[in-house]
């Protein structure tokens, strides 16, 4: 159908840009970059890559659930990196 007209962007690039967006969101909140921040950053990047590779072969019908899963992962990344209190999640 129209799938041939879609750009074939490598999944790793997509994961990297989504992870960088999370880092940019956390940057104004986080006052210091410590060892915990670096470790969680690396782990969440690896998780983002794994998620992109996992959903790469999902049928088009599951595109929206895949996007929702990705949004949840990015929210978790921001939550962990910014060290937010659970009460701040829905503000």
PDB file of N, CA and C in Angstrom:
ATOM      1  N   UNK A   1       0.836  -1.175   0.000  1.00  0.00           N
ATOM      2  CA  UNK A   1       0.000   0.000   0.000  1.00  0.00           C
ATOM      3  C   UNK A   1       0.883   1.242   0.000  1.00  0.00           C
ATOM      4  N   UNK A   2       0.830   2.066   1.039  1.00  0.00           N
ATOM      5  CA  UNK A   2       1.621   3.285   1.086  1.00  0.00           C
ATOM      6  C   UNK A   2       2.914   3.093   1.870  1.00  0.00           C
ATOM      7  N   UNK A   3       3.180   1.884   2.328  1.00  0.00           N
ATOM      8  CA  UNK A   3       4.370   1.622   3.128  1.00  0.00           C
ATOM      9  C   UNK A   3       5.655   1.865   2.346  1.00  0.00           C
ATOM     10  N   UNK A   4       5.616   1.704   1.045  1.00  0.00           N
ATOM     11  CA  UNK A   4       6.817   1.903   0.240  1.00  0.00           C
ATOM     12  C   UNK A   4       7.226   3.372   0.182  1.00  0.00           C
ATOM     13  N   UNK A   5       6.304   4.284   0.440  1.00  0.00           N
ATOM     14  CA  UNK A   5       6.631   5.704   0.398  1.00  0.00           C
ATOM     15  C   UNK A   5       7.137   6.236   1.737  1.00  0.00           C
ATOM     16  N   UNK A   6       7.090   5.402   2.771  1.00  0.00           N
ATOM     17  CA  UNK A   6       7.577   5.836   4.079  1.00  0.00           C
ATOM     18  C   UNK A   6       9.097   5.769   4.125  1.00  0.00           C
ATOM     19  N   UNK A   7       9.741   6.736   4.780  1.00  0.00           N
ATOM     20  CA  UNK A   7      11.202   6.681   4.881  1.00  0.00           C
ATOM     21  C   UNK A   7      11.628   5.521   5.779  1.00  0.00           C
ATOM     22  N   UNK A   8      12.735   4.917   5.433  1.00  0.00           N
ATOM     23  CA  UNK A   8      13.252   3.793   6.207  1.00  0.00           C
ATOM     24  C   UNK A   8      14.348   4.304   7.145  1.00  0.00           C
ATOM     25  N   UNK A   9      13.937   4.985   8.200  1.00  0.00           N
ATOM     26  CA  UNK A   9      14.880   5.534   9.173  1.00  0.00           C
ATOM     27  C   UNK A   9      15.325   4.399  10.088  1.00  0.00           C
ATOM     28  N   UNK A  10      16.632   4.212  10.253  1.00  0.00           N
ATOM     29  CA  UNK A  10      17.103   3.139  11.140  1.00  0.00           C
ATOM     30  C   UNK A  10      16.556   3.296  12.557  1.00  0.00           C
ATOM     31  N   UNK A  11      16.176   2.192  13.154  1.00  0.00           N
ATOM     32  CA  UNK A  11      15.579   2.190  14.493  1.00  0.00           C
ATOM     33  C   UNK A  11      16.522   2.761  15.545  1.00  0.00           C
ATOM     34  N   UNK A  12      17.809   2.550  15.378  1.00  0.00           N
ATOM     35  CA  UNK A  12      18.768   3.062  16.370  1.00  0.00           C
ATOM     36  C   UNK A  12      18.768   4.587  16.356  1.00  0.00           C
ATOM     37  N   UNK A  13      18.650   5.202  15.181  1.00  0.00           N
ATOM     38  CA  UNK A  13      18.581   6.667  15.108  1.00  0.00           C
ATOM     39  C   UNK A  13      17.324   7.189  15.795  1.00  0.00           C
ATOM     40  N   UNK A  14      16.221   6.495  15.587  1.00  0.00           N
ATOM     41  CA  UNK A  14      14.969   6.886  16.233  1.00  0.00           C
ATOM     42  C   UNK A  14      15.099   6.794  17.743  1.00  0.00           C
ATOM     43  N   UNK A  15      15.658   5.690  18.227  1.00  0.00           N
ATOM     44  CA  UNK A  15      15.845   5.512  19.667  1.00  0.00           C
ATOM     45  C   UNK A  15      16.759   6.591  20.231  1.00  0.00           C
ATOM     46  N   UNK A  16      17.826   6.902  19.517  1.00  0.00           N
ATOM     47  CA  UNK A  16      18.772   7.913  19.993  1.00  0.00           C
ATOM     48  C   UNK A  16      18.123   9.291  20.071  1.00  0.00           C
ATOM     49  N   UNK A  17      17.339   9.664  19.070  1.00  0.00           N
ATOM     50  CA  UNK A  17      16.706  10.984  19.105  1.00  0.00           C
ATOM     51  C   UNK A  17      15.639  11.071  20.196  1.00  0.00           C
ATOM     52  N   UNK A  18      14.918   9.991  20.428  1.00  0.00           N
ATOM     53  CA  UNK A  18      13.920   9.999  21.507  1.00  0.00           C
ATOM     54  C   UNK A  18      14.606  10.104  22.864  1.00  0.00           C
ATOM     55  N   UNK A  19      15.717   9.410  23.035  1.00  0.00           N
ATOM     56  CA  UNK A  19      16.472   9.461  24.282  1.00  0.00           C
ATOM     57  C   UNK A  19      17.056  10.857  24.496  1.00  0.00           C
ATOM     58  N   UNK A  20      17.587  11.466  23.442  1.00  0.00           N
ATOM     59  CA  UNK A  20      18.133  12.826  23.547  1.00  0.00           C
ATOM     60  C   UNK A  20      17.027  13.808  23.921  1.00  0.00           C
ATOM     61  N   UNK A  21      15.828  13.621  23.390  1.00  0.00           N
ATOM     62  CA  UNK A  21      14.698  14.484  23.760  1.00  0.00           C
ATOM     63  C   UNK A  21      14.420  14.386  25.256  1.00  0.00           C
ATOM     64  N   UNK A  22      14.517  13.185  25.809  1.00  0.00           N
ATOM     65  CA  UNK A  22      14.319  13.008  27.255  1.00  0.00           C
ATOM     66  C   UNK A  22      15.413  13.722  28.040  1.00  0.00           C
ATOM     67  N   UNK A  23      16.657  13.609  27.584  1.00  0.00           N
ATOM     68  CA  UNK A  23      17.777  14.276  28.254  1.00  0.00           C
ATOM     69  C   UNK A  23      17.567  15.789  28.232  1.00  0.00           C
ATOM     70  N   UNK A  24      17.109  16.318  27.103  1.00  0.00           N
ATOM     71  CA  UNK A  24      16.860  17.758  26.995  1.00  0.00           C
ATOM     72  C   UNK A  24      15.757  18.190  27.961  1.00  0.00           C
ATOM     73  N   UNK A  25      14.735  17.368  28.131  1.00  0.00           N
ATOM     74  CA  UNK A  25      13.656  17.687  29.074  1.00  0.00           C
ATOM     75  C   UNK A  25      14.147  17.677  30.515  1.00  0.00           C
ATOM     76  N   UNK A  26      15.077  16.805  30.825  1.00  0.00           N
ATOM     77  CA  UNK A  26      15.570  16.665  32.199  1.00  0.00           C
ATOM     78  C   UNK A  26      16.617  17.729  32.523  1.00  0.00           C
ATOM     79  N   UNK A  27      17.322  18.210  31.530  1.00  0.00           N
ATOM     80  CA  UNK A  27      18.439  19.131  31.745  1.00  0.00           C
ATOM     81  C   UNK A  27      18.103  20.332  32.635  1.00  0.00           C
ATOM     82  N   UNK A  28      16.982  21.038  32.425  1.00  0.00           N
ATOM     83  CA  UNK A  28      16.686  22.184  33.306  1.00  0.00           C
ATOM     84  C   UNK A  28      16.330  21.778  34.739  1.00  0.00           C
ATOM     85  N   UNK A  29      15.860  20.546  34.933  1.00  0.00           N
ATOM     86  CA  UNK A  29      15.442  20.083  36.259  1.00  0.00           C
ATOM     87  C   UNK A  29      16.627  19.601  37.075  1.00  0.00           C
ATOM     88  N   UNK A  30      17.519  18.892  36.423  1.00  0.00           N
ATOM     89  CA  UNK A  30      18.636  18.245  37.110  1.00  0.00           C
ATOM     90  C   UNK A  30      19.739  19.264  37.364  1.00  0.00           C
ATOM     91  N   UNK A  31      20.150  19.368  38.618  1.00  0.00           N
ATOM     92  CA  UNK A  31      21.174  20.350  38.977  1.00  0.00           C
ATOM     93  C   UNK A  31      22.592  19.801  38.843  1.00  0.00           C
ATOM     94  N   UNK A  32      22.750  18.501  39.073  1.00  0.00           N
ATOM     95  CA  UNK A  32      24.091  17.926  38.976  1.00  0.00           C
ATOM     96  C   UNK A  32      24.041  16.593  38.240  1.00  0.00           C
ATOM     97  N   UNK A  33      25.102  16.328  37.538  1.00  0.00           N
ATOM     98  CA  UNK A  33      25.226  15.062  36.823  1.00  0.00           C
ATOM     99  C   UNK A  33      26.138  14.169  37.657  1.00  0.00           C
ATOM    100  N   UNK A  34      25.554  13.129  38.236  1.00  0.00           N
ATOM    101  CA  UNK A  34      26.334  12.223  39.070  1.00  0.00           C
ATOM    102  C   UNK A  34      26.408  10.840  38.420  1.00  0.00           C
ATOM    103  N   UNK A  35      27.028   9.928  39.128  1.00  0.00           N
ATOM    104  CA  UNK A  35      27.219   8.575  38.602  1.00  0.00           C
ATOM    105  C   UNK A  35      25.874   7.878  38.343  1.00  0.00           C
ATOM    106  N   UNK A  36      24.928   8.060  39.247  1.00  0.00           N
ATOM    107  CA  UNK A  36      23.600   7.465  39.090  1.00  0.00           C
ATOM    108  C   UNK A  36      22.948   7.937  37.789  1.00  0.00           C
ATOM    109  N   UNK A  37      23.043   9.231  37.522  1.00  0.00           N
ATOM    110  CA  UNK A  37      22.466   9.813  36.312  1.00  0.00           C
ATOM    111  C   UNK A  37      23.080   9.179  35.062  1.00  0.00           C
ATOM    112  N   UNK A  38      24.389   9.035  35.057  1.00  0.00           N
ATOM    113  CA  UNK A  38      25.079   8.464  33.896  1.00  0.00           C
ATOM    114  C   UNK A  38      24.665   7.007  33.685  1.00  0.00           C
ATOM    115  N   UNK A  39      24.621   6.232  34.771  1.00  0.00           N
ATOM    116  CA  UNK A  39      24.254   4.817  34.663  1.00  0.00           C
ATOM    117  C   UNK A  39      22.817   4.664  34.165  1.00  0.00           C
ATOM    118  N   UNK A  40      21.900   5.432  34.750  1.00  0.00           N
ATOM    119  CA  UNK A  40      20.497   5.347  34.321  1.00  0.00           C
ATOM    120  C   UNK A  40      20.350   5.839  32.882  1.00  0.00           C
ATOM    121  N   UNK A  41      21.112   6.855  32.501  1.00  0.00           N
ATOM    122  CA  UNK A  41      21.070   7.341  31.121  1.00  0.00           C
ATOM    123  C   UNK A  41      21.458   6.244  30.141  1.00  0.00           C
ATOM    124  N   UNK A  42      22.539   5.548  30.443  1.00  0.00           N
ATOM    125  CA  UNK A  42      23.000   4.476  29.557  1.00  0.00           C
ATOM    126  C   UNK A  42      21.974   3.344  29.503  1.00  0.00           C
ATOM    127  N   UNK A  43      21.443   2.966  30.660  1.00  0.00           N
ATOM    128  CA  UNK A  43      20.462   1.875  30.701  1.00  0.00           C
ATOM    129  C   UNK A  43      19.178   2.230  29.953  1.00  0.00           C
ATOM    130  N   UNK A  44      18.719   3.470  30.112  1.00  0.00           N
ATOM    131  CA  UNK A  44      17.489   3.859  29.411  1.00  0.00           C
ATOM    132  C   UNK A  44      17.723   3.967  27.905  1.00  0.00           C
ATOM    133  N   UNK A  45      18.919   4.373  27.497  1.00  0.00           N
ATOM    134  CA  UNK A  45      19.232   4.386  26.064  1.00  0.00           C
ATOM    135  C   UNK A  45      19.214   2.966  25.504  1.00  0.00           C
ATOM    136  N   UNK A  46      19.826   2.036  26.217  1.00  0.00           N
ATOM    137  CA  UNK A  46      19.814   0.640  25.771  1.00  0.00           C
ATOM    138  C   UNK A  46      18.388   0.089  25.732  1.00  0.00           C
ATOM    139  N   UNK A  47      17.583   0.469  26.721  1.00  0.00           N
ATOM    140  CA  UNK A  47      16.182   0.051  26.731  1.00  0.00           C
ATOM    141  C   UNK A  47      15.404   0.638  25.568  1.00  0.00           C
ATOM    142  N   UNK A  48      15.688   1.896  25.239  1.00  0.00           N
ATOM    143  CA  UNK A  48      15.009   2.550  24.113  1.00  0.00           C
ATOM    144  C   UNK A  48      15.368   1.856  22.802  1.00  0.00           C
ATOM    145  N   UNK A  49      16.638   1.507  22.652  1.00  0.00           N
ATOM    146  CA  UNK A  49      17.067   0.787  21.448  1.00  0.00           C
ATOM    147  C   UNK A  49      16.384  -0.577  21.383  1.00  0.00           C
ATOM    148  N   UNK A  50      16.367  -1.281  22.509  1.00  0.00           N
ATOM    149  CA  UNK A  50      15.727  -2.603  22.552  1.00  0.00           C
ATOM    150  C   UNK A  50      14.244  -2.500  22.209  1.00  0.00           C
ATOM    151  N   UNK A  51      13.586  -1.477  22.728  1.00  0.00           N
ATOM    152  CA  UNK A  51      12.163  -1.285  22.437  1.00  0.00           C
ATOM    153  C   UNK A  51      11.942  -1.048  20.945  1.00  0.00           C
ATOM    154  N   UNK A  52      12.773  -0.206  20.341  1.00  0.00           N
ATOM    155  CA  UNK A  52      12.638   0.062  18.907  1.00  0.00           C
ATOM    156  C   UNK A  52      12.856  -1.199  18.075  1.00  0.00           C
ATOM    157  N   UNK A  53      13.837  -1.997  18.469  1.00  0.00           N
ATOM    158  CA  UNK A  53      14.097  -3.236  17.732  1.00  0.00           C
ATOM    159  C   UNK A  53      12.979  -4.254  17.947  1.00  0.00           C
ATOM    160  N   UNK A  54      12.379  -4.243  19.135  1.00  0.00           N
ATOM    161  CA  UNK A  54      11.282  -5.162  19.438  1.00  0.00           C
ATOM    162  C   UNK A  54      10.058  -4.878  18.574  1.00  0.00           C
ATOM    163  N   UNK A  55       9.705  -3.615  18.450  1.00  0.00           N
ATOM    164  CA  UNK A  55       8.480  -3.266  17.716  1.00  0.00           C
ATOM    165  C   UNK A  55       8.715  -3.095  16.216  1.00  0.00           C
ATOM    166  N   UNK A  56       9.936  -3.285  15.770  1.00  0.00           N
ATOM    167  CA  UNK A  56      10.259  -3.079  14.349  1.00  0.00           C
ATOM    168  C   UNK A  56       9.433  -3.960  13.420  1.00  0.00           C
ATOM    169  N   UNK A  57       9.115  -5.143  13.855  1.00  0.00           N
ATOM    170  CA  UNK A  57       8.393  -6.075  12.985  1.00  0.00           C
ATOM    171  C   UNK A  57       6.923  -6.228  13.347  1.00  0.00           C
ATOM    172  N   UNK A  58       6.423  -5.368  14.203  1.00  0.00           N
ATOM    173  CA  UNK A  58       5.003  -5.423  14.532  1.00  0.00           C
ATOM    174  C   UNK A  58       4.194  -5.017  13.304  1.00  0.00           C
ATOM    175  N   UNK A  59       3.011  -5.586  13.143  1.00  0.00           N
ATOM    176  CA  UNK A  59       2.174  -5.182  12.003  1.00  0.00           C
ATOM    177  C   UNK A  59       1.696  -3.735  12.161  1.00  0.00           C
ATOM    178  N   UNK A  60       1.350  -3.136  11.052  1.00  0.00           N
ATOM    179  CA  UNK A  60       0.897  -1.745  11.040  1.00  0.00           C
ATOM    180  C   UNK A  60      -0.302  -1.534  11.957  1.00  0.00           C
ATOM    181  N   UNK A  61      -1.101  -2.563  12.131  1.00  0.00           N
ATOM    182  CA  UNK A  61      -2.272  -2.480  12.998  1.00  0.00           C
ATOM    183  C   UNK A  61      -1.877  -2.166  14.456  1.00  0.00           C
ATOM    184  N   UNK A  62      -0.669  -2.531  14.860  1.00  0.00           N
ATOM    185  CA  UNK A  62      -0.204  -2.298  16.233  1.00  0.00           C
ATOM    186  C   UNK A  62       0.650  -1.040  16.363  1.00  0.00           C
ATOM    187  N   UNK A  63       0.596  -0.158  15.373  1.00  0.00           N
ATOM    188  CA  UNK A  63       1.407   1.048  15.411  1.00  0.00           C
ATOM    189  C   UNK A  63       1.046   1.938  16.606  1.00  0.00           C
ATOM    190  N   UNK A  64      -0.238   2.157  16.851  1.00  0.00           N
ATOM    191  CA  UNK A  64      -0.660   3.016  17.968  1.00  0.00           C
ATOM    192  C   UNK A  64      -0.273   2.410  19.314  1.00  0.00           C
ATOM    193  N   UNK A  65      -0.517   1.122  19.577  1.00  0.00           N
ATOM    194  CA  UNK A  65      -0.027   0.560  20.845  1.00  0.00           C
ATOM    195  C   UNK A  65       1.497   0.662  20.982  1.00  0.00           C
ATOM    196  N   UNK A  66       2.205   0.520  19.872  1.00  0.00           N
ATOM    197  CA  UNK A  66       3.660   0.675  19.906  1.00  0.00           C
ATOM    198  C   UNK A  66       4.071   2.088  20.277  1.00  0.00           C
ATOM    199  N   UNK A  67       3.360   3.071  19.738  1.00  0.00           N
ATOM    200  CA  UNK A  67       3.645   4.470  20.080  1.00  0.00           C
ATOM    201  C   UNK A  67       3.329   4.742  21.547  1.00  0.00           C
ATOM    202  N   UNK A  68       2.227   4.193  22.047  1.00  0.00           N
ATOM    203  CA  UNK A  68       1.885   4.371  23.462  1.00  0.00           C
ATOM    204  C   UNK A  68       2.939   3.738  24.365  1.00  0.00           C
ATOM    205  N   UNK A  69       3.422   2.578  23.981  1.00  0.00           N
ATOM    206  CA  UNK A  69       4.490   1.924  24.738  1.00  0.00           C
ATOM    207  C   UNK A  69       5.750   2.781  24.741  1.00  0.00           C
ATOM    208  N   UNK A  70       6.049   3.383  23.617  1.00  0.00           N
ATOM    209  CA  UNK A  70       7.216   4.251  23.513  1.00  0.00           C
ATOM    210  C   UNK A  70       7.058   5.507  24.368  1.00  0.00           C
ATOM    211  N   UNK A  71       5.874   6.082  24.382  1.00  0.00           N
ATOM    212  CA  UNK A  71       5.613   7.260  25.216  1.00  0.00           C
ATOM    213  C   UNK A  71       5.783   6.910  26.690  1.00  0.00           C
ATOM    214  N   UNK A  72       5.288   5.749  27.080  1.00  0.00           N
ATOM    215  CA  UNK A  72       5.468   5.306  28.468  1.00  0.00           C
ATOM    216  C   UNK A  72       6.943   5.138  28.805  1.00  0.00           C
ATOM    217  N   UNK A  73       7.714   4.574  27.878  1.00  0.00           N
ATOM    218  CA  UNK A  73       9.146   4.392  28.125  1.00  0.00           C
ATOM    219  C   UNK A  73       9.849   5.744  28.275  1.00  0.00           C
ATOM    220  N   UNK A  74       9.499   6.693  27.430  1.00  0.00           N
ATOM    221  CA  UNK A  74      10.112   8.017  27.528  1.00  0.00           C
ATOM    222  C   UNK A  74       9.715   8.701  28.834  1.00  0.00           C
ATOM    223  N   UNK A  75       8.464   8.531  29.260  1.00  0.00           N
ATOM    224  CA  UNK A  75       8.034   9.082  30.546  1.00  0.00           C
ATOM    225  C   UNK A  75       8.795   8.465  31.700  1.00  0.00           C
ATOM    226  N   UNK A  76       9.009   7.161  31.641  1.00  0.00           N
ATOM    227  CA  UNK A  76       9.791   6.483  32.675  1.00  0.00           C
ATOM    228  C   UNK A  76      11.228   6.986  32.681  1.00  0.00           C
ATOM    229  N   UNK A  77      11.785   7.207  31.514  1.00  0.00           N
ATOM    230  CA  UNK A  77      13.148   7.737  31.415  1.00  0.00           C
ATOM    231  C   UNK A  77      13.247   9.098  32.091  1.00  0.00           C
ATOM    232  N   UNK A  78      12.310   9.986  31.798  1.00  0.00           N
ATOM    233  CA  UNK A  78      12.321  11.321  32.411  1.00  0.00           C
ATOM    234  C   UNK A  78      12.119  11.211  33.914  1.00  0.00           C
ATOM    235  N   UNK A  79      11.203  10.358  34.332  1.00  0.00           N
ATOM    236  CA  UNK A  79      10.931  10.159  35.760  1.00  0.00           C
ATOM    237  C   UNK A  79      12.187   9.691  36.497  1.00  0.00           C
ATOM    238  N   UNK A  80      12.874   8.711  35.935  1.00  0.00           N
ATOM    239  CA  UNK A  80      14.064   8.177  36.596  1.00  0.00           C
ATOM    240  C   UNK A  80      15.226   9.164  36.588  1.00  0.00           C
ATOM    241  N   UNK A  81      15.428   9.849  35.478  1.00  0.00           N
ATOM    242  CA  UNK A  81      16.565  10.761  35.382  1.00  0.00           C
ATOM    243  C   UNK A  81      16.362  12.033  36.195  1.00  0.00           C
ATOM    244  N   UNK A  82      15.143  12.529  36.248  1.00  0.00           N
ATOM    245  CA  UNK A  82      14.872  13.765  36.985  1.00  0.00           C
ATOM    246  C   UNK A  82      14.671  13.511  38.469  1.00  0.00           C
ATOM    247  N   UNK A  83      14.570  12.229  38.847  1.00  0.00           N
ATOM    248  CA  UNK A  83      14.337  11.840  40.239  1.00  0.00           C
ATOM    249  C   UNK A  83      13.099  12.540  40.799  1.00  0.00           C
ATOM    250  N   UNK A  84      12.021  12.463  40.044  1.00  0.00           N
ATOM    251  CA  UNK A  84      10.771  13.100  40.445  1.00  0.00           C
ATOM    252  C   UNK A  84      10.091  12.309  41.553  1.00  0.00           C
ATOM    253  N   UNK A  85       9.362  13.003  42.375  1.00  0.00           N
ATOM    254  CA  UNK A  85       8.546  12.362  43.403  1.00  0.00           C
ATOM    255  C   UNK A  85       7.274  11.859  42.718  1.00  0.00           C
ATOM    256  N   UNK A  86       6.771  10.681  43.110  1.00  0.00           N
ATOM    257  CA  UNK A  86       5.569  10.144  42.447  1.00  0.00           C
ATOM    258  C   UNK A  86       4.384  11.109  42.424  1.00  0.00           C
ATOM    259  N   UNK A  87       4.268  11.974  43.410  1.00  0.00           N
ATOM    260  CA  UNK A  87       3.142  12.913  43.430  1.00  0.00           C
ATOM    261  C   UNK A  87       3.244  13.955  42.315  1.00  0.00           C
ATOM    262  N   UNK A  88       4.420  14.108  41.704  1.00  0.00           N
ATOM    263  CA  UNK A  88       4.611  15.097  40.645  1.00  0.00           C
ATOM    264  C   UNK A  88       4.261  14.544  39.262  1.00  0.00           C
ATOM    265  N   UNK A  89       3.930  13.275  39.180  1.00  0.00           N
ATOM    266  CA  UNK A  89       3.713  12.650  37.881  1.00  0.00           C
ATOM    267  C   UNK A  89       2.538  13.234  37.119  1.00  0.00           C
ATOM    268  N   UNK A  90       1.477  13.573  37.798  1.00  0.00           N
ATOM    269  CA  UNK A  90       0.259  14.005  37.107  1.00  0.00           C
ATOM    270  C   UNK A  90      -0.015  15.489  37.308  1.00  0.00           C
ATOM    271  N   UNK A  91       0.996  16.258  37.524  1.00  0.00           N
ATOM    272  CA  UNK A  91       0.830  17.704  37.702  1.00  0.00           C
ATOM    273  C   UNK A  91       0.871  18.399  36.371  1.00  0.00           C
TER     274      UNK A  91
END
